[in-house]
Amino acid sequence: MKRAGDSVGAGRLIRSTARLIRSVQAVVAVGGVSPIEQFIRDSEIDIVWFLAPGEPVSVPYIATVWDLQHRRQPFFPEVSTTGLTWEARERAFGSSLPRASRIITGTQAGKDEIVAFYGVSSENVMIVPLPVAVSDHTTGADSRIDVRTKYALKRDFLLYPAQFWPHKNHVNLLLALDLIKRDADVELDLVLTGSDKGNLDHVSQIVATLGLTSQVHILGFVPKADLHELYREAVCLAFASFFGPDNIPPLEAFALSCPVVAARVPGSEEQLGNAALLFDPTNPADIARTILTVRRDCRVRAELTRLGKEIIAARSPRAYVEQICRILDEFEPIRRCWGRHYWHA
């Protein structure tokens, strides 16, 4: 059976997938056949693994679902009216998921949503937790960047790497920062990285209104090495996003020994376990209390860091690829029952 994942590491698998996508995009549809369908036929592929929702194809396929927030929280404009609209998302998921041979998601919460929203068999939805490559986050002490000097960070700081979408919840995090300053008499800097997705002006206006201009550092995209050092130097990752159940920044923080405080959303406890302190993302006072707990107690920071390392050790890219290959192997006795050129008169 021709498949991706045989005897390859995670990096090679990702690079192979990227080349596949570029190749598919380069194919011109012929005779009403879609580009990806033509590619499947020309390459004699037995099964396809889509890393995002894809169109149904003639061979069995695996679909990967990162989130279904357009169903859970359709009021956010980025999943309803701007960019990829609610209708476009629903067409993609509604057409591909019910016909998928297997569906990959990272948590039980994600599986429950897939089954509830699209009526697929729970037996066809497989839970494979997201991995993080620790080696990608390892830097020698001699080559580290002095991010405090480079970005003029004079205080202890919180880190939140997130695009400026409304669902990223920058505003409630800023309100929490203001409460920390006014009620606890503690001034912390907040480092925000990521590009503008339409909400940066609104966030900047809130920063100015609260008088936090000297404390909030909006850096845009930064080099990967700088971001990794920001993780290492931060008091904690303040992950305020309303979306889940799978998120990558907390896992990156675990790999870089950065304590994590995160929004309590469906699936967050399952993904992060006891390695993060969770808060109500709608409640600035709760966000502030959680941040201050980590800021004030070195034993809490050390325990969160230790537990985060344990999670990362169990979720390596190799372990992720091995689970995908196991799913393919389990499906192979089914797939071998018909040939690549099967047709029914």
C-alpha atoms as a PDB file:
ATOM      1  CA  MET A   1       0.000   0.000   0.000  1.00  0.00           C
ATOM      2  CA  LYS A   2       1.513   3.315  -1.056  1.00  0.00           C
ATOM      3  CA  ARG A   3       1.377   5.749   1.864  1.00  0.00           C
ATOM      4  CA  ALA A   4       3.224   8.543   3.616  1.00  0.00           C
ATOM      5  CA  GLY A   5       5.053   7.766   6.865  1.00  0.00           C
ATOM      6  CA  ASP A   6       6.938   4.526   6.110  1.00  0.00           C
ATOM      7  CA  SER A   7      10.369   4.673   7.765  1.00  0.00           C
ATOM      8  CA  VAL A   8      10.518   8.454   7.921  1.00  0.00           C
ATOM      9  CA  GLY A   9      10.948  10.901  10.761  1.00  0.00           C
ATOM     10  CA  ALA A  10       8.522  13.705  11.527  1.00  0.00           C
ATOM     11  CA  GLY A  11      10.594  16.316   9.723  1.00  0.00           C
ATOM     12  CA  ARG A  12      10.825  14.247   6.549  1.00  0.00           C
ATOM     13  CA  LEU A  13       7.103  13.494   6.742  1.00  0.00           C
ATOM     14  CA  ILE A  14       6.262  17.194   6.979  1.00  0.00           C
ATOM     15  CA  ARG A  15       8.629  18.074   4.138  1.00  0.00           C
ATOM     16  CA  SER A  16       7.170  15.276   2.001  1.00  0.00           C
ATOM     17  CA  THR A  17       3.675  16.576   2.704  1.00  0.00           C
ATOM     18  CA  ALA A  18       4.703  20.098   1.728  1.00  0.00           C
ATOM     19  CA  ARG A  19       6.135  18.823  -1.559  1.00  0.00           C
ATOM     20  CA  LEU A  20       2.935  16.854  -2.170  1.00  0.00           C
ATOM     21  CA  ILE A  21       0.821  19.983  -1.660  1.00  0.00           C
ATOM     22  CA  ARG A  22       3.012  22.021  -4.003  1.00  0.00           C
ATOM     23  CA  SER A  23       2.846  19.257  -6.601  1.00  0.00           C
ATOM     24  CA  VAL A  24      -0.918  19.020  -6.344  1.00  0.00           C
ATOM     25  CA  GLN A  25      -1.265  22.778  -6.708  1.00  0.00           C
ATOM     26  CA  ALA A  26       0.842  22.652  -9.858  1.00  0.00           C
ATOM     27  CA  VAL A  27      -1.396  20.097 -11.568  1.00  0.00           C
ATOM     28  CA  VAL A  28      -3.947  21.484 -14.011  1.00  0.00           C
ATOM     29  CA  ALA A  29      -7.413  19.940 -13.904  1.00  0.00           C
ATOM     30  CA  VAL A  30      -8.108  17.846 -16.983  1.00  0.00           C
ATOM     31  CA  GLY A  31     -11.521  16.718 -18.213  1.00  0.00           C
ATOM     32  CA  GLY A  32     -13.364  17.917 -15.130  1.00  0.00           C
ATOM     33  CA  VAL A  33     -11.091  15.974 -12.740  1.00  0.00           C
ATOM     34  CA  SER A  34      -9.853  18.027  -9.800  1.00  0.00           C
ATOM     35  CA  PRO A  35      -6.097  18.630  -9.499  1.00  0.00           C
ATOM     36  CA  ILE A  36      -5.730  16.495  -6.388  1.00  0.00           C
ATOM     37  CA  GLU A  37      -7.799  13.672  -7.911  1.00  0.00           C
ATOM     38  CA  GLN A  38      -5.605  13.717 -11.022  1.00  0.00           C
ATOM     39  CA  PHE A  39      -2.502  13.644  -8.832  1.00  0.00           C
ATOM     40  CA  ILE A  40      -3.833  10.639  -6.911  1.00  0.00           C
ATOM     41  CA  ARG A  41      -4.479   8.750 -10.145  1.00  0.00           C
ATOM     42  CA  ASP A  42      -1.163   9.643 -11.727  1.00  0.00           C
ATOM     43  CA  SER A  43       0.769   8.690  -8.577  1.00  0.00           C
ATOM     44  CA  GLU A  44      -1.284   5.508  -7.935  1.00  0.00           C
ATOM     45  CA  ILE A  45      -1.940   6.479  -4.324  1.00  0.00           C
ATOM     46  CA  ASP A  46      -3.936   4.081  -2.141  1.00  0.00           C
ATOM     47  CA  ILE A  47      -4.788   6.376   0.764  1.00  0.00           C
ATOM     48  CA  VAL A  48      -4.438  10.117   1.382  1.00  0.00           C
ATOM     49  CA  TRP A  49      -3.765  11.876   4.664  1.00  0.00           C
ATOM     50  CA  PHE A  50      -5.088  15.445   4.647  1.00  0.00           C
ATOM     51  CA  LEU A  51      -3.402  17.683   7.232  1.00  0.00           C
ATOM     52  CA  ALA A  52      -6.396  20.032   6.953  1.00  0.00           C
ATOM     53  CA  PRO A  53      -9.952  19.541   5.676  1.00  0.00           C
ATOM     54  CA  GLY A  54      -9.797  18.490   2.055  1.00  0.00           C
ATOM     55  CA  GLU A  55     -12.233  17.594  -0.671  1.00  0.00           C
ATOM     56  CA  PRO A  56     -13.566  14.035  -0.832  1.00  0.00           C
ATOM     57  CA  VAL A  57     -11.511  11.921  -3.229  1.00  0.00           C
ATOM     58  CA  SER A  58     -11.943   8.550  -4.888  1.00  0.00           C
ATOM     59  CA  VAL A  59      -9.521   6.696  -2.609  1.00  0.00           C
ATOM     60  CA  PRO A  60      -9.834   6.281   1.171  1.00  0.00           C
ATOM     61  CA  TYR A  61      -8.540   9.289   3.066  1.00  0.00           C
ATOM     62  CA  ILE A  62      -7.658  10.420   6.561  1.00  0.00           C
ATOM     63  CA  ALA A  63      -8.820  13.889   7.621  1.00  0.00           C
ATOM     64  CA  THR A  64      -7.098  15.935  10.330  1.00  0.00           C
ATOM     65  CA  VAL A  65      -9.240  18.282  12.420  1.00  0.00           C
ATOM     66  CA  TRP A  66      -7.538  21.000  14.487  1.00  0.00           C
ATOM     67  CA  ASP A  67     -10.717  22.670  15.726  1.00  0.00           C
ATOM     68  CA  LEU A  68     -14.386  23.199  14.943  1.00  0.00           C
ATOM     69  CA  GLN A  69     -14.716  26.641  16.467  1.00  0.00           C
ATOM     70  CA  HIS A  70     -16.956  27.887  13.674  1.00  0.00           C
ATOM     71  CA  ARG A  71     -19.536  25.536  15.202  1.00  0.00           C
ATOM     72  CA  ARG A  72     -18.754  26.151  18.876  1.00  0.00           C
ATOM     73  CA  GLN A  73     -18.181  29.928  18.681  1.00  0.00           C
ATOM     74  CA  PRO A  74     -19.626  31.205  15.384  1.00  0.00           C
ATOM     75  CA  PHE A  75     -19.886  34.755  16.744  1.00  0.00           C
ATOM     76  CA  PHE A  76     -16.174  35.405  16.189  1.00  0.00           C
ATOM     77  CA  PRO A  77     -15.840  37.216  12.844  1.00  0.00           C
ATOM     78  CA  GLU A  78     -12.755  35.278  11.763  1.00  0.00           C
ATOM     79  CA  VAL A  79     -14.807  32.063  11.570  1.00  0.00           C
ATOM     80  CA  SER A  80     -18.022  33.579  10.286  1.00  0.00           C
ATOM     81  CA  THR A  81     -17.739  36.681   8.121  1.00  0.00           C
ATOM     82  CA  THR A  82     -14.092  37.432   7.298  1.00  0.00           C
ATOM     83  CA  GLY A  83     -11.429  35.341   5.619  1.00  0.00           C
ATOM     84  CA  LEU A  84     -12.781  31.807   5.333  1.00  0.00           C
ATOM     85  CA  THR A  85     -16.483  32.321   6.058  1.00  0.00           C
ATOM     86  CA  TRP A  86     -18.727  30.110   8.191  1.00  0.00           C
ATOM     87  CA  GLU A  87     -20.369  28.731   5.053  1.00  0.00           C
ATOM     88  CA  ALA A  88     -17.028  27.880   3.458  1.00  0.00           C
ATOM     89  CA  ARG A  89     -15.822  26.123   6.593  1.00  0.00           C
ATOM     90  CA  GLU A  90     -19.059  24.188   6.882  1.00  0.00           C
ATOM     91  CA  ARG A  91     -18.866  23.074   3.254  1.00  0.00           C
ATOM     92  CA  ALA A  92     -15.316  21.823   3.777  1.00  0.00           C
ATOM     93  CA  PHE A  93     -16.015  19.923   6.990  1.00  0.00           C
ATOM     94  CA  GLY A  94     -19.526  18.820   6.038  1.00  0.00           C
ATOM     95  CA  SER A  95     -18.412  17.262   2.763  1.00  0.00           C
ATOM     96  CA  SER A  96     -15.144  15.697   3.898  1.00  0.00           C
ATOM     97  CA  LEU A  97     -15.640  14.389   7.437  1.00  0.00           C
ATOM     98  CA  PRO A  98     -18.650  12.070   6.936  1.00  0.00           C
ATOM     99  CA  ARG A  99     -16.810  10.329   4.084  1.00  0.00           C
ATOM    100  CA  ALA A 100     -13.395  10.100   5.757  1.00  0.00           C
ATOM    101  CA  SER A 101     -12.026   6.619   6.398  1.00  0.00           C
ATOM    102  CA  ARG A 102     -10.387   7.874   9.576  1.00  0.00           C
ATOM    103  CA  ILE A 103     -10.325  11.277  11.304  1.00  0.00           C
ATOM    104  CA  ILE A 104      -7.385  12.442  13.425  1.00  0.00           C
ATOM    105  CA  THR A 105      -7.814  14.823  16.344  1.00  0.00           C
ATOM    106  CA  GLY A 106      -5.738  15.566  19.421  1.00  0.00           C
ATOM    107  CA  THR A 107      -8.159  15.195  22.335  1.00  0.00           C
ATOM    108  CA  GLN A 108     -11.304  13.440  23.483  1.00  0.00           C
ATOM    109  CA  ALA A 109     -13.003  16.852  23.540  1.00  0.00           C
ATOM    110  CA  GLY A 110     -12.157  17.273  19.868  1.00  0.00           C
ATOM    111  CA  LYS A 111     -13.449  13.780  19.090  1.00  0.00           C
ATOM    112  CA  ASP A 112     -16.718  14.460  20.886  1.00  0.00           C
ATOM    113  CA  GLU A 113     -17.257  17.623  18.831  1.00  0.00           C
ATOM    114  CA  ILE A 114     -16.589  15.838  15.530  1.00  0.00           C
ATOM    115  CA  VAL A 115     -19.082  13.087  16.367  1.00  0.00           C
ATOM    116  CA  ALA A 116     -21.711  15.522  17.656  1.00  0.00           C
ATOM    117  CA  PHE A 117     -21.478  18.080  14.847  1.00  0.00           C
ATOM    118  CA  TYR A 118     -21.102  15.753  11.856  1.00  0.00           C
ATOM    119  CA  GLY A 119     -22.664  12.463  12.953  1.00  0.00           C
ATOM    120  CA  VAL A 120     -19.647  10.334  12.083  1.00  0.00           C
ATOM    121  CA  SER A 121     -18.968   6.991  13.729  1.00  0.00           C
ATOM    122  CA  SER A 122     -16.885   7.414  16.873  1.00  0.00           C
ATOM    123  CA  GLU A 123     -14.912   4.316  15.828  1.00  0.00           C
ATOM    124  CA  ASN A 124     -13.552   6.257  12.864  1.00  0.00           C
ATOM    125  CA  VAL A 125     -12.202   9.152  14.973  1.00  0.00           C
ATOM    126  CA  MET A 126      -8.716   8.556  16.356  1.00  0.00           C
ATOM    127  CA  ILE A 127      -7.078  10.602  19.128  1.00  0.00           C
ATOM    128  CA  VAL A 128      -3.412  11.401  18.473  1.00  0.00           C
ATOM    129  CA  PRO A 129      -2.070  14.202  20.735  1.00  0.00           C
ATOM    130  CA  LEU A 130      -0.058  16.955  19.068  1.00  0.00           C
ATOM    131  CA  PRO A 131       3.731  16.550  19.270  1.00  0.00           C
ATOM    132  CA  VAL A 132       6.579  18.998  19.805  1.00  0.00           C
ATOM    133  CA  ALA A 133      10.177  18.356  18.761  1.00  0.00           C
ATOM    134  CA  VAL A 134      12.392  19.184  21.735  1.00  0.00           C
ATOM    135  CA  SER A 135      15.451  19.219  19.458  1.00  0.00           C
ATOM    136  CA  ASP A 136      13.937  22.145  17.540  1.00  0.00           C
ATOM    137  CA  HIS A 137      13.990  24.175  20.764  1.00  0.00           C
ATOM    138  CA  THR A 138      17.505  23.340  21.949  1.00  0.00           C
ATOM    139  CA  THR A 139      20.068  26.133  21.790  1.00  0.00           C
ATOM    140  CA  GLY A 140      23.556  26.297  23.210  1.00  0.00           C
ATOM    141  CA  ALA A 141      24.053  28.867  25.965  1.00  0.00           C
ATOM    142  CA  ASP A 142      26.767  30.601  23.929  1.00  0.00           C
ATOM    143  CA  SER A 143      24.421  31.271  21.008  1.00  0.00           C
ATOM    144  CA  ARG A 144      21.459  32.662  22.946  1.00  0.00           C
ATOM    145  CA  ILE A 145      20.192  36.168  22.290  1.00  0.00           C
ATOM    146  CA  ASP A 146      19.926  38.842  24.956  1.00  0.00           C
ATOM    147  CA  VAL A 147      16.240  39.493  24.290  1.00  0.00           C
ATOM    148  CA  ARG A 148      15.865  41.802  27.270  1.00  0.00           C
ATOM    149  CA  THR A 149      18.319  44.263  25.782  1.00  0.00           C
ATOM    150  CA  LYS A 150      17.225  43.722  22.186  1.00  0.00           C
ATOM    151  CA  TYR A 151      13.563  44.441  22.948  1.00  0.00           C
ATOM    152  CA  ALA A 152      14.070  46.911  25.824  1.00  0.00           C
ATOM    153  CA  LEU A 153      12.434  44.684  28.446  1.00  0.00           C
ATOM    154  CA  LYS A 154      13.242  46.301  31.772  1.00  0.00           C
ATOM    155  CA  ARG A 155      10.747  44.366  33.931  1.00  0.00           C
ATOM    156  CA  ASP A 156       9.737  40.766  34.420  1.00  0.00           C
ATOM    157  CA  PHE A 157       7.465  39.941  31.492  1.00  0.00           C
ATOM    158  CA  LEU A 158       4.644  37.729  30.329  1.00  0.00           C
ATOM    159  CA  LEU A 159       4.718  36.248  26.828  1.00  0.00           C
ATOM    160  CA  TYR A 160       1.805  35.737  24.473  1.00  0.00           C
ATOM    161  CA  PRO A 161       2.717  34.680  20.908  1.00  0.00           C
ATOM    162  CA  ALA A 162      -0.542  34.951  18.956  1.00  0.00           C
ATOM    163  CA  GLN A 163      -1.839  36.483  15.752  1.00  0.00           C
ATOM    164  CA  PHE A 164      -4.082  39.455  16.318  1.00  0.00           C
ATOM    165  CA  TRP A 165      -7.424  37.715  15.825  1.00  0.00           C
ATOM    166  CA  PRO A 166     -10.351  38.611  18.118  1.00  0.00           C
ATOM    167  CA  HIS A 167     -10.498  35.058  19.494  1.00  0.00           C
ATOM    168  CA  LYS A 168      -6.949  35.365  20.789  1.00  0.00           C
ATOM    169  CA  ASN A 169      -8.422  37.415  23.637  1.00  0.00           C
ATOM    170  CA  HIS A 170      -5.711  40.058  23.959  1.00  0.00           C
ATOM    171  CA  VAL A 171      -8.175  42.505  25.491  1.00  0.00           C
ATOM    172  CA  ASN A 172      -9.057  40.468  28.582  1.00  0.00           C
ATOM    173  CA  LEU A 173      -5.353  39.773  29.095  1.00  0.00           C
ATOM    174  CA  LEU A 174      -4.671  43.526  28.974  1.00  0.00           C
ATOM    175  CA  LEU A 175      -7.428  44.147  31.510  1.00  0.00           C
ATOM    176  CA  ALA A 176      -5.779  41.548  33.757  1.00  0.00           C
ATOM    177  CA  LEU A 177      -2.420  43.294  33.371  1.00  0.00           C
ATOM    178  CA  ASP A 178      -4.071  46.538  34.439  1.00  0.00           C
ATOM    179  CA  LEU A 179      -5.586  44.856  37.510  1.00  0.00           C
ATOM    180  CA  ILE A 180      -2.189  43.429  38.472  1.00  0.00           C
ATOM    181  CA  LYS A 181      -0.758  46.948  38.328  1.00  0.00           C
ATOM    182  CA  ARG A 182      -3.608  48.700  40.185  1.00  0.00           C
ATOM    183  CA  ASP A 183      -4.651  46.120  42.770  1.00  0.00           C
ATOM    184  CA  ALA A 184      -1.431  44.189  43.424  1.00  0.00           C
ATOM    185  CA  ASP A 185       0.958  47.091  42.799  1.00  0.00           C
ATOM    186  CA  VAL A 186       3.016  44.868  40.497  1.00  0.00           C
ATOM    187  CA  GLU A 187       4.178  46.091  37.109  1.00  0.00           C
ATOM    188  CA  LEU A 188       4.806  43.366  34.555  1.00  0.00           C
ATOM    189  CA  ASP A 189       5.646  43.806  30.920  1.00  0.00           C
ATOM    190  CA  LEU A 190       3.647  41.913  28.306  1.00  0.00           C
ATOM    191  CA  VAL A 191       5.343  40.781  25.105  1.00  0.00           C
ATOM    192  CA  LEU A 192       3.008  40.187  22.168  1.00  0.00           C
ATOM    193  CA  THR A 193       4.275  38.591  18.968  1.00  0.00           C
ATOM    194  CA  GLY A 194       2.446  37.724  15.756  1.00  0.00           C
ATOM    195  CA  SER A 195       1.007  39.496  12.734  1.00  0.00           C
ATOM    196  CA  ASP A 196      -2.082  41.651  12.452  1.00  0.00           C
ATOM    197  CA  LYS A 197      -5.193  39.762  11.368  1.00  0.00           C
ATOM    198  CA  GLY A 198      -7.433  42.807  11.591  1.00  0.00           C
ATOM    199  CA  ASN A 199      -7.570  43.417  15.345  1.00  0.00           C
ATOM    200  CA  LEU A 200      -4.254  45.112  16.106  1.00  0.00           C
ATOM    201  CA  ASP A 201      -5.684  48.656  16.020  1.00  0.00           C
ATOM    202  CA  HIS A 202      -8.359  47.692  18.543  1.00  0.00           C
ATOM    203  CA  VAL A 203      -5.799  46.063  20.838  1.00  0.00           C
ATOM    204  CA  SER A 204      -3.475  49.073  20.547  1.00  0.00           C
ATOM    205  CA  GLN A 205      -6.331  51.391  21.428  1.00  0.00           C
ATOM    206  CA  ILE A 206      -7.053  49.375  24.594  1.00  0.00           C
ATOM    207  CA  VAL A 207      -3.360  49.531  25.523  1.00  0.00           C
ATOM    208  CA  ALA A 208      -3.420  53.319  25.247  1.00  0.00           C
ATOM    209  CA  THR A 209      -6.725  53.701  27.099  1.00  0.00           C
ATOM    210  CA  LEU A 210      -5.452  51.637  30.036  1.00  0.00           C
ATOM    211  CA  GLY A 211      -2.185  53.554  30.166  1.00  0.00           C
ATOM    212  CA  LEU A 212      -0.121  50.429  29.535  1.00  0.00           C
ATOM    213  CA  THR A 213       1.973  51.709  26.643  1.00  0.00           C
ATOM    214  CA  SER A 214       5.248  51.440  28.579  1.00  0.00           C
ATOM    215  CA  GLN A 215       4.472  47.856  29.640  1.00  0.00           C
ATOM    216  CA  VAL A 216       3.160  46.309  26.420  1.00  0.00           C
ATOM    217  CA  HIS A 217       5.648  45.408  23.699  1.00  0.00           C
ATOM    218  CA  ILE A 218       4.050  44.576  20.343  1.00  0.00           C
ATOM    219  CA  LEU A 219       6.885  43.023  18.361  1.00  0.00           C
ATOM    220  CA  GLY A 220       5.209  41.526  15.289  1.00  0.00           C
ATOM    221  CA  PHE A 221       6.950  38.431  13.996  1.00  0.00           C
ATOM    222  CA  VAL A 222      10.336  37.792  15.599  1.00  0.00           C
ATOM    223  CA  PRO A 223      13.080  35.321  14.588  1.00  0.00           C
ATOM    224  CA  LYS A 224      12.529  31.821  15.905  1.00  0.00           C
ATOM    225  CA  ALA A 225      15.651  31.982  18.059  1.00  0.00           C
ATOM    226  CA  ASP A 226      14.392  35.206  19.645  1.00  0.00           C
ATOM    227  CA  LEU A 227      10.973  33.688  20.333  1.00  0.00           C
ATOM    228  CA  HIS A 228      12.550  30.673  21.999  1.00  0.00           C
ATOM    229  CA  GLU A 229      14.626  32.919  24.237  1.00  0.00           C
ATOM    230  CA  LEU A 230      11.536  34.968  25.093  1.00  0.00           C
ATOM    231  CA  TYR A 231       9.911  31.742  26.278  1.00  0.00           C
ATOM    232  CA  ARG A 232      12.934  30.932  28.419  1.00  0.00           C
ATOM    233  CA  GLU A 233      13.059  34.388  30.007  1.00  0.00           C
ATOM    234  CA  ALA A 234       9.327  34.942  30.564  1.00  0.00           C
ATOM    235  CA  VAL A 235       7.587  34.705  33.930  1.00  0.00           C
ATOM    236  CA  CYS A 236       5.095  32.528  32.087  1.00  0.00           C
ATOM    237  CA  LEU A 237       3.243  31.991  28.862  1.00  0.00           C
ATOM    238  CA  ALA A 238      -0.131  33.731  29.267  1.00  0.00           C
ATOM    239  CA  PHE A 239      -2.180  31.788  26.718  1.00  0.00           C
ATOM    240  CA  ALA A 240      -5.563  33.520  26.671  1.00  0.00           C
ATOM    241  CA  SER A 241      -7.104  32.146  23.464  1.00  0.00           C
ATOM    242  CA  PHE A 242     -10.781  31.195  23.457  1.00  0.00           C
ATOM    243  CA  PHE A 243     -10.103  28.513  20.844  1.00  0.00           C
ATOM    244  CA  GLY A 244      -9.105  24.905  21.372  1.00  0.00           C
ATOM    245  CA  PRO A 245      -8.997  22.068  22.060  1.00  0.00           C
ATOM    246  CA  ASP A 246      -5.485  21.740  20.575  1.00  0.00           C
ATOM    247  CA  ASN A 247      -2.935  24.551  20.810  1.00  0.00           C
ATOM    248  CA  ILE A 248       0.770  24.567  20.027  1.00  0.00           C
ATOM    249  CA  PRO A 249       2.255  27.490  22.084  1.00  0.00           C
ATOM    250  CA  PRO A 250       1.714  25.780  25.474  1.00  0.00           C
ATOM    251  CA  LEU A 251       3.585  22.736  24.174  1.00  0.00           C
ATOM    252  CA  GLU A 252       6.416  24.966  22.944  1.00  0.00           C
ATOM    253  CA  ALA A 253       6.524  26.565  26.389  1.00  0.00           C
ATOM    254  CA  PHE A 254       6.786  23.129  28.011  1.00  0.00           C
ATOM    255  CA  ALA A 255       9.739  22.305  25.748  1.00  0.00           C
ATOM    256  CA  LEU A 256      11.477  25.556  26.734  1.00  0.00           C
ATOM    257  CA  SER A 257      10.913  25.305  30.501  1.00  0.00           C
ATOM    258  CA  CYS A 258       8.437  28.173  30.504  1.00  0.00           C
ATOM    259  CA  PRO A 259       5.573  27.925  33.036  1.00  0.00           C
ATOM    260  CA  VAL A 260       2.123  28.054  31.433  1.00  0.00           C
ATOM    261  CA  VAL A 261      -1.116  29.734  32.447  1.00  0.00           C
ATOM    262  CA  ALA A 262      -3.878  29.150  29.932  1.00  0.00           C
ATOM    263  CA  ALA A 263      -7.551  29.652  29.233  1.00  0.00           C
ATOM    264  CA  ARG A 264      -9.862  26.953  30.516  1.00  0.00           C
ATOM    265  CA  VAL A 265     -11.610  25.840  27.321  1.00  0.00           C
ATOM    266  CA  PRO A 266     -12.975  22.411  26.323  1.00  0.00           C
ATOM    267  CA  GLY A 267      -9.978  20.111  25.930  1.00  0.00           C
ATOM    268  CA  SER A 268      -7.411  22.310  27.693  1.00  0.00           C
ATOM    269  CA  GLU A 269      -7.237  20.161  30.822  1.00  0.00           C
ATOM    270  CA  GLU A 270      -6.844  17.073  28.654  1.00  0.00           C
ATOM    271  CA  GLN A 271      -4.090  18.568  26.499  1.00  0.00           C
ATOM    272  CA  LEU A 272      -2.162  20.333  29.270  1.00  0.00           C
ATOM    273  CA  GLY A 273      -2.866  18.111  32.260  1.00  0.00           C
ATOM    274  CA  ASN A 274      -1.518  19.461  35.551  1.00  0.00           C
ATOM    275  CA  ALA A 275       1.331  21.249  33.785  1.00  0.00           C
ATOM    276  CA  ALA A 276      -0.610  24.517  33.417  1.00  0.00           C
ATOM    277  CA  LEU A 277      -2.698  26.720  35.674  1.00  0.00           C
ATOM    278  CA  LEU A 278      -6.027  27.424  34.001  1.00  0.00           C
ATOM    279  CA  PHE A 279      -8.185  30.538  34.187  1.00  0.00           C
ATOM    280  CA  ASP A 280     -11.576  31.758  33.009  1.00  0.00           C
ATOM    281  CA  PRO A 281     -10.737  33.603  29.764  1.00  0.00           C
ATOM    282  CA  THR A 282     -13.710  35.952  30.202  1.00  0.00           C
ATOM    283  CA  ASN A 283     -12.650  37.061  33.706  1.00  0.00           C
ATOM    284  CA  PRO A 284      -9.698  39.488  33.950  1.00  0.00           C
ATOM    285  CA  ALA A 285      -9.609  39.121  37.739  1.00  0.00           C
ATOM    286  CA  ASP A 286      -9.183  35.347  37.435  1.00  0.00           C
ATOM    287  CA  ILE A 287      -6.500  35.799  34.783  1.00  0.00           C
ATOM    288  CA  ALA A 288      -4.681  38.249  37.078  1.00  0.00           C
ATOM    289  CA  ARG A 289      -4.874  35.901  40.090  1.00  0.00           C
ATOM    290  CA  THR A 290      -3.494  32.999  38.078  1.00  0.00           C
ATOM    291  CA  ILE A 291      -0.589  35.030  36.715  1.00  0.00           C
ATOM    292  CA  LEU A 292       0.279  36.335  40.174  1.00  0.00           C
ATOM    293  CA  THR A 293       0.294  32.791  41.576  1.00  0.00           C
ATOM    294  CA  VAL A 294       3.030  31.847  39.137  1.00  0.00           C
ATOM    295  CA  ARG A 295       4.852  35.157  39.566  1.00  0.00           C
ATOM    296  CA  ARG A 296       5.021  34.902  43.357  1.00  0.00           C
ATOM    297  CA  ASP A 297       5.691  31.204  43.983  1.00  0.00           C
ATOM    298  CA  CYS A 298       8.918  29.715  42.677  1.00  0.00           C
ATOM    299  CA  ARG A 299       7.801  26.233  43.771  1.00  0.00           C
ATOM    300  CA  VAL A 300       4.731  26.495  41.548  1.00  0.00           C
ATOM    301  CA  ARG A 301       6.909  27.571  38.623  1.00  0.00           C
ATOM    302  CA  ALA A 302       9.298  24.675  39.175  1.00  0.00           C
ATOM    303  CA  GLU A 303       6.473  22.125  39.423  1.00  0.00           C
ATOM    304  CA  LEU A 304       4.760  23.388  36.282  1.00  0.00           C
ATOM    305  CA  THR A 305       8.059  23.221  34.420  1.00  0.00           C
ATOM    306  CA  ARG A 306       8.703  19.655  35.601  1.00  0.00           C
ATOM    307  CA  LEU A 307       5.231  18.457  34.617  1.00  0.00           C
ATOM    308  CA  GLY A 308       5.500  20.187  31.243  1.00  0.00           C
ATOM    309  CA  LYS A 309       8.721  18.306  30.508  1.00  0.00           C
ATOM    310  CA  GLU A 310       6.966  15.025  31.286  1.00  0.00           C
ATOM    311  CA  ILE A 311       4.211  15.795  28.794  1.00  0.00           C
ATOM    312  CA  ILE A 312       6.702  16.706  26.077  1.00  0.00           C
ATOM    313  CA  ALA A 313       8.699  13.528  26.644  1.00  0.00           C
ATOM    314  CA  ALA A 314       5.591  11.466  25.916  1.00  0.00           C
ATOM    315  CA  ARG A 315       4.579  13.444  22.816  1.00  0.00           C
ATOM    316  CA  SER A 316       7.576  13.352  20.536  1.00  0.00           C
ATOM    317  CA  PRO A 317       7.249  13.670  16.743  1.00  0.00           C
ATOM    318  CA  ARG A 318       8.418  10.059  16.478  1.00  0.00           C
ATOM    319  CA  ALA A 319       5.587   8.930  18.746  1.00  0.00           C
ATOM    320  CA  TYR A 320       3.112  10.936  16.641  1.00  0.00           C
ATOM    321  CA  VAL A 321       4.307   9.392  13.370  1.00  0.00           C
ATOM    322  CA  GLU A 322       4.283   5.917  14.897  1.00  0.00           C
ATOM    323  CA  GLN A 323       0.637   6.341  15.877  1.00  0.00           C
ATOM    324  CA  ILE A 324      -0.270   7.518  12.372  1.00  0.00           C
ATOM    325  CA  CYS A 325       1.562   4.540  10.876  1.00  0.00           C
ATOM    326  CA  ARG A 326      -0.315   2.245  13.258  1.00  0.00           C
ATOM    327  CA  ILE A 327      -3.609   3.674  12.022  1.00  0.00           C
ATOM    328  CA  LEU A 328      -2.497   3.054   8.428  1.00  0.00           C
ATOM    329  CA  ASP A 329      -1.416  -0.491   9.243  1.00  0.00           C
ATOM    330  CA  GLU A 330      -4.761  -1.225  10.902  1.00  0.00           C
ATOM    331  CA  PHE A 331      -6.584   0.030   7.806  1.00  0.00           C
ATOM    332  CA  GLU A 332      -4.419  -1.907   5.326  1.00  0.00           C
ATOM    333  CA  PRO A 333      -6.384  -5.211   5.577  1.00  0.00           C
ATOM    334  CA  ILE A 334      -9.457  -3.259   4.495  1.00  0.00           C
ATOM    335  CA  ARG A 335      -7.774  -1.265   1.734  1.00  0.00           C
ATOM    336  CA  ARG A 336      -6.224  -4.315   0.081  1.00  0.00           C
ATOM    337  CA  CYS A 337      -9.702  -5.649  -0.746  1.00  0.00           C
ATOM    338  CA  TRP A 338      -9.905  -3.598  -3.983  1.00  0.00           C
ATOM    339  CA  GLY A 339      -7.399  -2.458  -6.573  1.00  0.00           C
ATOM    340  CA  ARG A 340      -6.422   1.014  -7.659  1.00  0.00           C
ATOM    341  CA  HIS A 341      -8.395   0.718 -10.864  1.00  0.00           C
ATOM    342  CA  TYR A 342     -11.584  -0.724  -9.404  1.00  0.00           C
ATOM    343  CA  TRP A 343     -14.791   0.228 -11.189  1.00  0.00           C
ATOM    344  CA  HIS A 344     -18.369  -0.973 -10.956  1.00  0.00           C
ATOM    345  CA  ALA A 345     -20.395  -1.408 -14.142  1.00  0.00           C
END
